[in-house]
Each structure stands twice: as structure tokens, then as C-alpha cells.
Amino acid sequence: MRESSEPQPSLNKDPEPKMAKTNVDIHERLQYIGREFVDICHYIILFLISVVVVWTAGKEFLVIVQKGSADLKDILMLFIYLELLAMIGIYFKTHRLPVQFLIFIAITALSRHLVVDVQAVSDYFHLWLLATISVAIMVLSASVVILTWTAKMFGRPEDYLDDHQSTSTEHHLPSVESAKNRHK
């Protein structure tokens, strides 16, 4: 037999690259299963919340009908239910839960409290409660303005998500090119 100077291909190839690829595949599958599980839980819980909100709003409406008239507190309560349902509807349509809607609900609830419940407290406490609730409404309103401004200037975190299509974590961070394009 003649020996050749060419290197012979090794029959025993290094199993390390195949093992690493298998680990990545398992990791990607587990991430996919985890994301799907969280999505399913979100949908179930939001559906249950929707049912409870509709049920409670229906009960409130029946009380208004039985009473024969609607007070301002009843109307504001129905608006709170409407805002909750709108927020849930937005999540089902866009798969995003806007914080602004939670703030709008808080502003409406504080306004309802300001109009309805503050009248029942003593005069001295009434002034402090009125001032505190008014300041809280102003702070919440300012937070909506700040959130809207920052979203326009810098984008929202969910703008970088590809509706769960990407399997790596790189899609959670803005790229250098997207930051340059946004500031032009």
C-alpha cells in the first residue's frame, strides 16, 4: 500500500457541533411552547375578565332600569366598564395592552369618587380629599402625556417584536440601524 501525503478524512467527526445544534433546537422549541402557553393563559384570563365585566355592567344596568333613572355615579360606573371592555378588545385585536387605558380608567374612577363620594365627608377632610384627588388626576393626566410623547419620540417596546415569529432574543432590542432611521 502506498501512503499518500493528502490528509485522510476522519471517520470519527467531532460530535460537538451537532450537540450544540440540538441544544439550540430544544431551547427554541421550549421558548415557542412557553410563549404559546403564556398567550393561551392571557386569552383565557382576559375572556373571564370580559365575562365578569359584562355581567357586572349588566347588573348595574338592571339596577338603573329598576330605579327608573340614572345618576351621574351610575353613568360614570358604566363608562369604567366600557373602558375596561375597550382595553380588553384592544388586547384581543393587537396583542398589546396599552398602559394609557389603565390610566384612563384610573382617572375616570377618581373623577367618579370626586363627584360622588367626596360630598359625604366632613368639611375639613373634604378640602384635603378634594385637593389630593385633584392632584392625583393631574399626575395621571401628565403621565398619559409623557407616555404618548415618549412613544412618538422613541417608539414602544412592542414595536420591536415580530408577533412571536423570531425565536432569538435579539428581536427585543432595537438595532443600531432602526435607531438611526428613527432619529433622522
N, C-alpha and C. Protein backbone atom coordinates (compact mmCIF):
# COMPACT_ATOMS: atom_id res chain seq x y z
N MET A 1 0.82 -1.18 0.00
CA MET A 1 0.00 0.00 0.00
C MET A 1 0.86 1.24 0.00
N ARG A 2 0.41 2.13 -0.70
CA ARG A 2 1.13 3.36 -0.83
C ARG A 2 0.53 4.42 0.08
N GLU A 3 1.39 5.13 0.80
CA GLU A 3 0.90 6.18 1.67
C GLU A 3 0.81 7.47 0.88
N SER A 4 -0.29 8.15 1.08
CA SER A 4 -0.45 9.42 0.37
C SER A 4 -0.13 10.56 1.33
N SER A 5 0.27 11.65 0.75
CA SER A 5 0.59 12.81 1.56
C SER A 5 -0.65 13.65 1.87
N GLU A 6 -1.77 13.31 1.23
CA GLU A 6 -3.01 14.03 1.48
C GLU A 6 -3.61 13.57 2.80
N PRO A 7 -4.16 14.51 3.55
CA PRO A 7 -4.78 14.11 4.82
C PRO A 7 -6.04 13.30 4.56
N GLN A 8 -6.18 12.25 5.31
CA GLN A 8 -7.34 11.39 5.19
C GLN A 8 -8.50 12.00 5.99
N PRO A 9 -9.71 11.98 5.44
CA PRO A 9 -10.84 12.48 6.21
C PRO A 9 -11.08 11.59 7.41
N SER A 10 -11.33 12.20 8.51
CA SER A 10 -11.54 11.46 9.75
C SER A 10 -12.93 10.85 9.75
N LEU A 11 -13.01 9.59 10.10
CA LEU A 11 -14.29 8.93 10.18
C LEU A 11 -15.02 9.31 11.47
N ASN A 12 -14.26 9.61 12.49
CA ASN A 12 -14.84 9.98 13.78
C ASN A 12 -14.91 11.50 13.87
N LYS A 13 -15.99 12.08 13.30
CA LYS A 13 -16.13 13.53 13.31
C LYS A 13 -16.50 14.00 14.71
N ASP A 14 -16.18 15.25 14.99
CA ASP A 14 -16.43 15.84 16.29
C ASP A 14 -17.95 16.00 16.50
N PRO A 15 -18.53 15.37 17.51
CA PRO A 15 -19.98 15.45 17.73
C PRO A 15 -20.42 16.79 18.35
N GLU A 16 -19.50 17.62 18.73
CA GLU A 16 -19.83 18.87 19.42
C GLU A 16 -20.75 19.78 18.61
N PRO A 17 -20.51 20.08 17.32
CA PRO A 17 -21.42 20.98 16.61
C PRO A 17 -22.84 20.43 16.52
N LYS A 18 -22.99 19.13 16.33
CA LYS A 18 -24.32 18.55 16.26
C LYS A 18 -25.03 18.65 17.61
N MET A 19 -24.28 18.42 18.67
CA MET A 19 -24.84 18.52 20.01
C MET A 19 -25.29 19.94 20.31
N ALA A 20 -24.49 20.93 19.92
CA ALA A 20 -24.84 22.33 20.14
C ALA A 20 -26.09 22.70 19.37
N LYS A 21 -26.21 22.20 18.13
CA LYS A 21 -27.40 22.48 17.32
C LYS A 21 -28.62 21.84 17.95
N THR A 22 -28.49 20.66 18.49
CA THR A 22 -29.61 20.00 19.14
C THR A 22 -30.06 20.79 20.37
N ASN A 23 -29.12 21.29 21.15
CA ASN A 23 -29.46 22.10 22.32
C ASN A 23 -30.19 23.38 21.92
N VAL A 24 -29.75 23.99 20.82
CA VAL A 24 -30.41 25.21 20.34
C VAL A 24 -31.82 24.88 19.87
N ASP A 25 -31.99 23.76 19.15
CA ASP A 25 -33.32 23.37 18.70
C ASP A 25 -34.26 23.12 19.88
N ILE A 26 -33.79 22.45 20.90
CA ILE A 26 -34.61 22.19 22.09
C ILE A 26 -34.94 23.51 22.78
N HIS A 27 -33.97 24.39 22.89
CA HIS A 27 -34.18 25.69 23.52
C HIS A 27 -35.23 26.49 22.74
N GLU A 28 -35.14 26.50 21.43
CA GLU A 28 -36.11 27.22 20.60
C GLU A 28 -37.51 26.62 20.74
N ARG A 29 -37.61 25.30 20.76
CA ARG A 29 -38.92 24.65 20.93
C ARG A 29 -39.52 24.98 22.29
N LEU A 30 -38.70 24.96 23.34
CA LEU A 30 -39.19 25.29 24.67
C LEU A 30 -39.63 26.75 24.75
N GLN A 31 -38.90 27.65 24.10
CA GLN A 31 -39.32 29.05 24.06
C GLN A 31 -40.66 29.18 23.34
N TYR A 32 -40.83 28.47 22.24
CA TYR A 32 -42.09 28.53 21.49
C TYR A 32 -43.24 28.02 22.35
N ILE A 33 -43.04 26.88 23.01
CA ILE A 33 -44.08 26.31 23.86
C ILE A 33 -44.41 27.28 25.01
N GLY A 34 -43.39 27.87 25.60
CA GLY A 34 -43.61 28.83 26.69
C GLY A 34 -44.40 30.04 26.23
N ARG A 35 -44.06 30.59 25.06
CA ARG A 35 -44.80 31.75 24.54
C ARG A 35 -46.24 31.38 24.25
N GLU A 36 -46.47 30.22 23.67
CA GLU A 36 -47.84 29.80 23.36
C GLU A 36 -48.64 29.59 24.65
N PHE A 37 -48.01 29.00 25.66
CA PHE A 37 -48.69 28.78 26.94
C PHE A 37 -49.10 30.12 27.57
N VAL A 38 -48.19 31.08 27.55
CA VAL A 38 -48.50 32.40 28.12
C VAL A 38 -49.62 33.06 27.32
N ASP A 39 -49.59 32.95 26.00
CA ASP A 39 -50.66 33.53 25.17
C ASP A 39 -52.01 32.90 25.48
N ILE A 40 -52.03 31.59 25.62
CA ILE A 40 -53.29 30.90 25.94
C ILE A 40 -53.81 31.35 27.30
N CYS A 41 -52.91 31.45 28.28
CA CYS A 41 -53.33 31.92 29.61
C CYS A 41 -53.86 33.35 29.54
N HIS A 42 -53.19 34.21 28.77
CA HIS A 42 -53.69 35.59 28.60
C HIS A 42 -55.10 35.58 28.04
N TYR A 43 -55.33 34.80 27.00
CA TYR A 43 -56.65 34.78 26.36
C TYR A 43 -57.72 34.25 27.31
N ILE A 44 -57.42 33.20 28.04
CA ILE A 44 -58.40 32.64 28.98
C ILE A 44 -58.74 33.65 30.07
N ILE A 45 -57.71 34.25 30.66
CA ILE A 45 -57.96 35.20 31.75
C ILE A 45 -58.68 36.44 31.23
N LEU A 46 -58.28 36.96 30.08
CA LEU A 46 -58.97 38.13 29.53
C LEU A 46 -60.41 37.81 29.16
N PHE A 47 -60.65 36.60 28.67
CA PHE A 47 -62.03 36.20 28.38
C PHE A 47 -62.86 36.16 29.66
N LEU A 48 -62.29 35.59 30.73
CA LEU A 48 -63.00 35.55 32.00
C LEU A 48 -63.25 36.95 32.56
N ILE A 49 -62.25 37.82 32.43
CA ILE A 49 -62.44 39.21 32.88
C ILE A 49 -63.54 39.87 32.06
N SER A 50 -63.56 39.62 30.76
CA SER A 50 -64.61 40.19 29.90
C SER A 50 -65.99 39.73 30.35
N VAL A 51 -66.12 38.46 30.65
CA VAL A 51 -67.40 37.92 31.11
C VAL A 51 -67.83 38.60 32.41
N VAL A 52 -66.89 38.75 33.34
CA VAL A 52 -67.20 39.37 34.63
C VAL A 52 -67.59 40.84 34.42
N VAL A 53 -66.86 41.57 33.55
CA VAL A 53 -67.17 42.98 33.32
C VAL A 53 -68.55 43.12 32.69
N VAL A 54 -68.86 42.28 31.69
CA VAL A 54 -70.18 42.35 31.05
C VAL A 54 -71.28 42.00 32.05
N TRP A 55 -71.04 40.98 32.87
CA TRP A 55 -72.02 40.57 33.87
C TRP A 55 -72.26 41.70 34.88
N THR A 56 -71.18 42.30 35.37
CA THR A 56 -71.31 43.38 36.35
C THR A 56 -71.97 44.61 35.73
N ALA A 57 -71.60 44.94 34.50
CA ALA A 57 -72.23 46.08 33.83
C ALA A 57 -73.71 45.80 33.60
N GLY A 58 -74.05 44.56 33.28
CA GLY A 58 -75.46 44.19 33.11
C GLY A 58 -76.23 44.34 34.40
N LYS A 59 -75.63 43.90 35.51
CA LYS A 59 -76.29 44.07 36.81
C LYS A 59 -76.49 45.55 37.13
N GLU A 60 -75.48 46.36 36.86
CA GLU A 60 -75.57 47.80 37.10
C GLU A 60 -76.67 48.42 36.25
N PHE A 61 -76.75 47.98 35.01
CA PHE A 61 -77.78 48.50 34.12
C PHE A 61 -79.18 48.10 34.60
N LEU A 62 -79.33 46.87 35.09
CA LEU A 62 -80.63 46.44 35.61
C LEU A 62 -81.03 47.25 36.85
N VAL A 63 -80.06 47.60 37.70
CA VAL A 63 -80.35 48.44 38.86
C VAL A 63 -80.83 49.81 38.39
N ILE A 64 -80.19 50.35 37.35
CA ILE A 64 -80.62 51.65 36.81
C ILE A 64 -82.03 51.56 36.25
N VAL A 65 -82.33 50.49 35.53
CA VAL A 65 -83.67 50.32 34.96
C VAL A 65 -84.71 50.18 36.07
N GLN A 66 -84.41 49.39 37.11
CA GLN A 66 -85.34 49.22 38.21
C GLN A 66 -85.57 50.52 38.97
N LYS A 67 -84.50 51.32 39.10
CA LYS A 67 -84.60 52.59 39.79
C LYS A 67 -85.40 53.60 38.96
N GLY A 68 -85.38 53.46 37.67
CA GLY A 68 -86.13 54.35 36.79
C GLY A 68 -85.35 55.56 36.31
N SER A 69 -84.14 55.77 36.82
CA SER A 69 -83.32 56.89 36.37
C SER A 69 -81.86 56.56 36.65
N ALA A 70 -80.98 57.28 35.96
CA ALA A 70 -79.55 57.07 36.13
C ALA A 70 -78.93 58.30 36.76
N ASP A 71 -78.21 58.10 37.84
CA ASP A 71 -77.47 59.18 38.46
C ASP A 71 -76.12 59.31 37.76
N LEU A 72 -75.41 60.39 38.07
CA LEU A 72 -74.09 60.60 37.49
C LEU A 72 -73.13 59.48 37.88
N LYS A 73 -73.22 59.01 39.13
CA LYS A 73 -72.33 57.93 39.57
C LYS A 73 -72.58 56.64 38.78
N ASP A 74 -73.85 56.39 38.41
CA ASP A 74 -74.16 55.21 37.61
C ASP A 74 -73.58 55.31 36.21
N ILE A 75 -73.70 56.49 35.62
CA ILE A 75 -73.18 56.70 34.27
C ILE A 75 -71.66 56.59 34.25
N LEU A 76 -71.00 57.17 35.24
CA LEU A 76 -69.54 57.08 35.31
C LEU A 76 -69.09 55.64 35.53
N MET A 77 -69.85 54.88 36.31
CA MET A 77 -69.51 53.47 36.51
C MET A 77 -69.64 52.69 35.21
N LEU A 78 -70.67 52.99 34.43
CA LEU A 78 -70.82 52.33 33.13
C LEU A 78 -69.66 52.70 32.19
N PHE A 79 -69.18 53.94 32.28
CA PHE A 79 -68.02 54.33 31.48
C PHE A 79 -66.77 53.54 31.88
N ILE A 80 -66.62 53.29 33.17
CA ILE A 80 -65.48 52.47 33.61
C ILE A 80 -65.58 51.08 33.02
N TYR A 81 -66.75 50.48 33.03
CA TYR A 81 -66.94 49.16 32.42
C TYR A 81 -66.65 49.21 30.93
N LEU A 82 -67.09 50.27 30.28
CA LEU A 82 -66.85 50.42 28.84
C LEU A 82 -65.35 50.52 28.55
N GLU A 83 -64.62 51.28 29.35
CA GLU A 83 -63.18 51.42 29.15
C GLU A 83 -62.46 50.09 29.40
N LEU A 84 -62.91 49.33 30.39
CA LEU A 84 -62.32 48.00 30.62
C LEU A 84 -62.54 47.10 29.42
N LEU A 85 -63.74 47.10 28.88
CA LEU A 85 -64.02 46.27 27.71
C LEU A 85 -63.24 46.75 26.49
N ALA A 86 -63.09 48.05 26.33
CA ALA A 86 -62.30 48.58 25.21
C ALA A 86 -60.83 48.15 25.33
N MET A 87 -60.30 48.19 26.54
CA MET A 87 -58.93 47.78 26.75
C MET A 87 -58.75 46.29 26.43
N ILE A 88 -59.69 45.47 26.84
CA ILE A 88 -59.62 44.04 26.55
C ILE A 88 -59.76 43.81 25.05
N GLY A 89 -60.66 44.56 24.40
CA GLY A 89 -60.82 44.44 22.96
C GLY A 89 -59.55 44.81 22.21
N ILE A 90 -58.88 45.85 22.66
CA ILE A 90 -57.62 46.24 22.03
C ILE A 90 -56.58 45.14 22.18
N TYR A 91 -56.54 44.50 23.33
CA TYR A 91 -55.58 43.41 23.51
C TYR A 91 -55.89 42.25 22.55
N PHE A 92 -57.16 41.90 22.39
CA PHE A 92 -57.51 40.81 21.50
C PHE A 92 -57.18 41.15 20.05
N LYS A 93 -57.31 42.43 19.67
CA LYS A 93 -57.06 42.81 18.28
C LYS A 93 -55.58 43.02 17.99
N THR A 94 -54.85 43.62 18.92
CA THR A 94 -53.46 43.99 18.64
C THR A 94 -52.43 43.18 19.40
N HIS A 95 -52.87 42.39 20.36
CA HIS A 95 -51.98 41.60 21.22
C HIS A 95 -51.07 42.51 22.05
N ARG A 96 -51.56 43.71 22.34
CA ARG A 96 -50.84 44.67 23.17
C ARG A 96 -51.81 45.23 24.20
N LEU A 97 -51.31 45.52 25.37
CA LEU A 97 -52.14 46.07 26.44
C LEU A 97 -51.64 47.48 26.75
N PRO A 98 -52.31 48.48 26.19
CA PRO A 98 -51.82 49.85 26.39
C PRO A 98 -52.01 50.34 27.82
N VAL A 99 -50.95 50.84 28.39
CA VAL A 99 -50.99 51.35 29.76
C VAL A 99 -51.88 52.59 29.85
N GLN A 100 -51.97 53.33 28.76
CA GLN A 100 -52.79 54.55 28.78
C GLN A 100 -54.23 54.24 29.15
N PHE A 101 -54.75 53.11 28.70
CA PHE A 101 -56.14 52.77 29.04
C PHE A 101 -56.31 52.53 30.53
N LEU A 102 -55.33 51.90 31.15
CA LEU A 102 -55.40 51.73 32.61
C LEU A 102 -55.41 53.08 33.31
N ILE A 103 -54.63 54.01 32.78
CA ILE A 103 -54.60 55.34 33.38
C ILE A 103 -55.93 56.06 33.15
N PHE A 104 -56.51 55.89 31.97
CA PHE A 104 -57.83 56.50 31.71
C PHE A 104 -58.88 55.94 32.68
N ILE A 105 -58.81 54.65 32.95
CA ILE A 105 -59.75 54.03 33.88
C ILE A 105 -59.53 54.62 35.29
N ALA A 106 -58.27 54.78 35.67
CA ALA A 106 -57.98 55.36 36.99
C ALA A 106 -58.49 56.80 37.08
N ILE A 107 -58.32 57.57 36.01
CA ILE A 107 -58.81 58.95 36.00
C ILE A 107 -60.32 58.98 36.13
N THR A 108 -61.00 58.09 35.39
CA THR A 108 -62.46 58.04 35.47
C THR A 108 -62.92 57.62 36.87
N ALA A 109 -62.23 56.64 37.47
CA ALA A 109 -62.60 56.20 38.81
C ALA A 109 -62.38 57.31 39.83
N LEU A 110 -61.27 58.03 39.71
CA LEU A 110 -61.03 59.15 40.63
C LEU A 110 -62.05 60.27 40.41
N SER A 111 -62.42 60.51 39.16
CA SER A 111 -63.44 61.54 38.87
C SER A 111 -64.77 61.14 39.49
N ARG A 112 -65.11 59.86 39.36
CA ARG A 112 -66.35 59.37 39.97
C ARG A 112 -66.30 59.55 41.48
N HIS A 113 -65.18 59.21 42.07
CA HIS A 113 -65.02 59.37 43.51
C HIS A 113 -65.12 60.84 43.90
N LEU A 114 -64.53 61.70 43.09
CA LEU A 114 -64.56 63.13 43.36
C LEU A 114 -65.98 63.67 43.32
N VAL A 115 -66.75 63.24 42.34
CA VAL A 115 -68.11 63.74 42.16
C VAL A 115 -69.08 63.13 43.17
N VAL A 116 -68.93 61.86 43.46
CA VAL A 116 -69.93 61.14 44.24
C VAL A 116 -69.59 61.07 45.73
N ASP A 117 -68.42 60.55 46.04
CA ASP A 117 -68.12 60.19 47.42
C ASP A 117 -67.59 61.34 48.27
N VAL A 118 -67.01 62.34 47.68
CA VAL A 118 -66.42 63.43 48.47
C VAL A 118 -67.50 64.24 49.17
N GLN A 119 -68.69 64.27 48.65
CA GLN A 119 -69.78 65.04 49.26
C GLN A 119 -70.17 64.50 50.63
N ALA A 120 -69.85 63.26 50.92
CA ALA A 120 -70.30 62.63 52.16
C ALA A 120 -69.32 62.78 53.32
N VAL A 121 -68.20 63.47 53.12
CA VAL A 121 -67.22 63.60 54.20
C VAL A 121 -67.31 64.98 54.84
N SER A 122 -66.65 65.14 55.98
CA SER A 122 -66.70 66.41 56.72
C SER A 122 -66.00 67.52 55.94
N ASP A 123 -66.25 68.75 56.35
CA ASP A 123 -65.73 69.91 55.62
C ASP A 123 -64.21 69.98 55.62
N TYR A 124 -63.57 69.78 56.79
CA TYR A 124 -62.11 69.86 56.86
C TYR A 124 -61.47 68.76 56.03
N PHE A 125 -61.96 67.55 56.22
CA PHE A 125 -61.42 66.43 55.45
C PHE A 125 -61.78 66.56 53.98
N HIS A 126 -62.90 67.18 53.71
CA HIS A 126 -63.38 67.37 52.35
C HIS A 126 -62.36 68.16 51.52
N LEU A 127 -61.80 69.21 52.09
CA LEU A 127 -60.84 70.04 51.37
C LEU A 127 -59.58 69.25 51.02
N TRP A 128 -59.04 68.50 51.99
CA TRP A 128 -57.83 67.72 51.73
C TRP A 128 -58.10 66.58 50.75
N LEU A 129 -59.23 65.93 50.86
CA LEU A 129 -59.56 64.85 49.94
C LEU A 129 -59.75 65.40 48.53
N LEU A 130 -60.42 66.51 48.42
CA LEU A 130 -60.63 67.16 47.13
C LEU A 130 -59.29 67.53 46.49
N ALA A 131 -58.40 68.12 47.28
CA ALA A 131 -57.08 68.51 46.76
C ALA A 131 -56.25 67.30 46.36
N THR A 132 -56.27 66.26 47.18
CA THR A 132 -55.49 65.06 46.90
C THR A 132 -55.97 64.37 45.63
N ILE A 133 -57.27 64.22 45.48
CA ILE A 133 -57.81 63.57 44.29
C ILE A 133 -57.53 64.41 43.04
N SER A 134 -57.65 65.71 43.17
CA SER A 134 -57.37 66.60 42.03
C SER A 134 -55.90 66.50 41.60
N VAL A 135 -55.00 66.49 42.56
CA VAL A 135 -53.57 66.35 42.24
C VAL A 135 -53.31 64.98 41.59
N ALA A 136 -53.94 63.94 42.11
CA ALA A 136 -53.76 62.60 41.53
C ALA A 136 -54.25 62.57 40.08
N ILE A 137 -55.36 63.21 39.79
CA ILE A 137 -55.87 63.26 38.41
C ILE A 137 -54.89 64.02 37.52
N MET A 138 -54.32 65.10 38.03
CA MET A 138 -53.35 65.86 37.23
C MET A 138 -52.08 65.05 36.97
N VAL A 139 -51.62 64.32 37.98
CA VAL A 139 -50.42 63.49 37.81
C VAL A 139 -50.69 62.38 36.78
N LEU A 140 -51.84 61.75 36.88
CA LEU A 140 -52.19 60.71 35.91
C LEU A 140 -52.32 61.29 34.50
N SER A 141 -52.90 62.46 34.38
CA SER A 141 -53.02 63.11 33.07
C SER A 141 -51.65 63.43 32.50
N ALA A 142 -50.76 63.92 33.34
CA ALA A 142 -49.39 64.20 32.90
C ALA A 142 -48.68 62.93 32.46
N SER A 143 -48.94 61.84 33.15
CA SER A 143 -48.30 60.57 32.77
C SER A 143 -48.77 60.10 31.40
N VAL A 144 -50.05 60.34 31.08
CA VAL A 144 -50.54 59.98 29.74
C VAL A 144 -49.82 60.82 28.68
N VAL A 145 -49.65 62.11 28.96
CA VAL A 145 -48.95 62.98 28.02
C VAL A 145 -47.50 62.51 27.84
N ILE A 146 -46.83 62.18 28.93
CA ILE A 146 -45.44 61.72 28.86
C ILE A 146 -45.34 60.39 28.11
N LEU A 147 -46.24 59.45 28.41
CA LEU A 147 -46.21 58.16 27.71
C LEU A 147 -46.45 58.34 26.22
N THR A 148 -47.38 59.19 25.85
CA THR A 148 -47.67 59.43 24.44
C THR A 148 -46.47 60.09 23.75
N TRP A 149 -45.87 61.07 24.41
CA TRP A 149 -44.72 61.76 23.84
C TRP A 149 -43.53 60.81 23.66
N THR A 150 -43.22 60.01 24.68
CA THR A 150 -42.09 59.09 24.57
C THR A 150 -42.34 58.03 23.51
N ALA A 151 -43.59 57.59 23.36
CA ALA A 151 -43.90 56.61 22.32
C ALA A 151 -43.69 57.20 20.93
N LYS A 152 -44.03 58.47 20.76
CA LYS A 152 -43.80 59.10 19.45
C LYS A 152 -42.32 59.34 19.19
N MET A 153 -41.60 59.72 20.22
CA MET A 153 -40.18 60.03 20.05
C MET A 153 -39.30 58.78 19.92
N PHE A 154 -39.56 57.79 20.76
CA PHE A 154 -38.65 56.65 20.85
C PHE A 154 -39.28 55.33 20.44
N GLY A 155 -40.56 55.30 20.19
CA GLY A 155 -41.23 54.05 19.86
C GLY A 155 -41.62 53.30 21.11
N ARG A 156 -42.42 52.29 20.91
CA ARG A 156 -42.85 51.44 22.02
C ARG A 156 -42.02 50.16 22.02
N PRO A 157 -41.84 49.54 23.19
CA PRO A 157 -41.06 48.28 23.22
C PRO A 157 -41.65 47.21 22.33
N GLU A 158 -42.97 47.16 22.22
CA GLU A 158 -43.58 46.11 21.41
C GLU A 158 -43.38 46.35 19.91
N ASP A 159 -42.93 47.54 19.52
CA ASP A 159 -42.65 47.79 18.10
C ASP A 159 -41.50 46.94 17.60
N TYR A 160 -40.68 46.44 18.51
CA TYR A 160 -39.52 45.64 18.13
C TYR A 160 -39.83 44.15 18.10
N LEU A 161 -41.05 43.79 18.47
CA LEU A 161 -41.43 42.38 18.45
C LEU A 161 -42.02 42.03 17.10
N ASP A 162 -41.77 40.84 16.65
CA ASP A 162 -42.29 40.39 15.36
C ASP A 162 -43.43 39.42 15.56
N ASP A 163 -44.36 39.73 16.44
CA ASP A 163 -45.51 38.86 16.73
C ASP A 163 -45.08 37.43 17.00
N HIS A 164 -44.06 37.27 17.78
CA HIS A 164 -43.55 35.97 18.22
C HIS A 164 -43.00 35.13 17.08
N GLN A 165 -42.65 35.74 15.98
CA GLN A 165 -42.10 34.98 14.85
C GLN A 165 -40.62 34.67 15.04
N SER A 166 -39.91 35.56 15.67
CA SER A 166 -38.49 35.37 15.87
C SER A 166 -38.26 34.48 17.08
N THR A 167 -37.27 33.62 16.97
CA THR A 167 -37.01 32.68 18.07
C THR A 167 -35.83 33.09 18.92
N SER A 168 -35.10 34.11 18.53
CA SER A 168 -33.98 34.55 19.35
C SER A 168 -34.39 35.75 20.20
N THR A 169 -33.55 36.09 21.13
CA THR A 169 -33.86 37.23 21.99
C THR A 169 -33.38 38.54 21.41
N GLU A 170 -32.70 38.50 20.26
CA GLU A 170 -32.18 39.72 19.66
C GLU A 170 -33.29 40.66 19.23
N HIS A 171 -34.46 40.13 18.91
CA HIS A 171 -35.54 40.98 18.43
C HIS A 171 -36.12 41.87 19.52
N HIS A 172 -35.77 41.66 20.77
CA HIS A 172 -36.27 42.50 21.85
C HIS A 172 -35.51 43.82 21.95
N LEU A 173 -34.33 43.87 21.34
CA LEU A 173 -33.51 45.06 21.44
C LEU A 173 -33.52 45.81 20.11
N PRO A 174 -33.54 47.12 20.17
CA PRO A 174 -33.52 47.88 18.91
C PRO A 174 -32.16 47.74 18.25
N SER A 175 -32.17 47.68 16.94
CA SER A 175 -30.91 47.62 16.22
C SER A 175 -30.36 49.03 16.03
N VAL A 176 -29.11 49.10 15.72
CA VAL A 176 -28.46 50.39 15.51
C VAL A 176 -29.09 51.10 14.31
N GLU A 177 -29.40 50.32 13.25
CA GLU A 177 -29.99 50.92 12.05
C GLU A 177 -31.37 51.49 12.33
N SER A 178 -32.19 50.81 13.12
CA SER A 178 -33.53 51.33 13.41
C SER A 178 -33.46 52.59 14.25
N ALA A 179 -32.50 52.67 15.15
CA ALA A 179 -32.34 53.87 15.97
C ALA A 179 -31.87 55.05 15.10
N LYS A 180 -30.98 54.79 14.13
CA LYS A 180 -30.52 55.85 13.24
C LYS A 180 -31.67 56.33 12.36
N ASN A 181 -32.47 55.41 11.84
CA ASN A 181 -33.58 55.79 10.97
C ASN A 181 -34.64 56.57 11.72
N ARG A 182 -34.85 56.26 12.97
CA ARG A 182 -35.89 56.92 13.75
C ARG A 182 -35.51 58.37 14.05
N HIS A 183 -34.20 58.63 14.23
CA HIS A 183 -33.77 59.97 14.61
C HIS A 183 -33.47 60.86 13.41
N LYS A 184 -33.67 60.39 12.21
CA LYS A 184 -33.43 61.22 11.02
C LYS A 184 -34.55 62.19 10.79
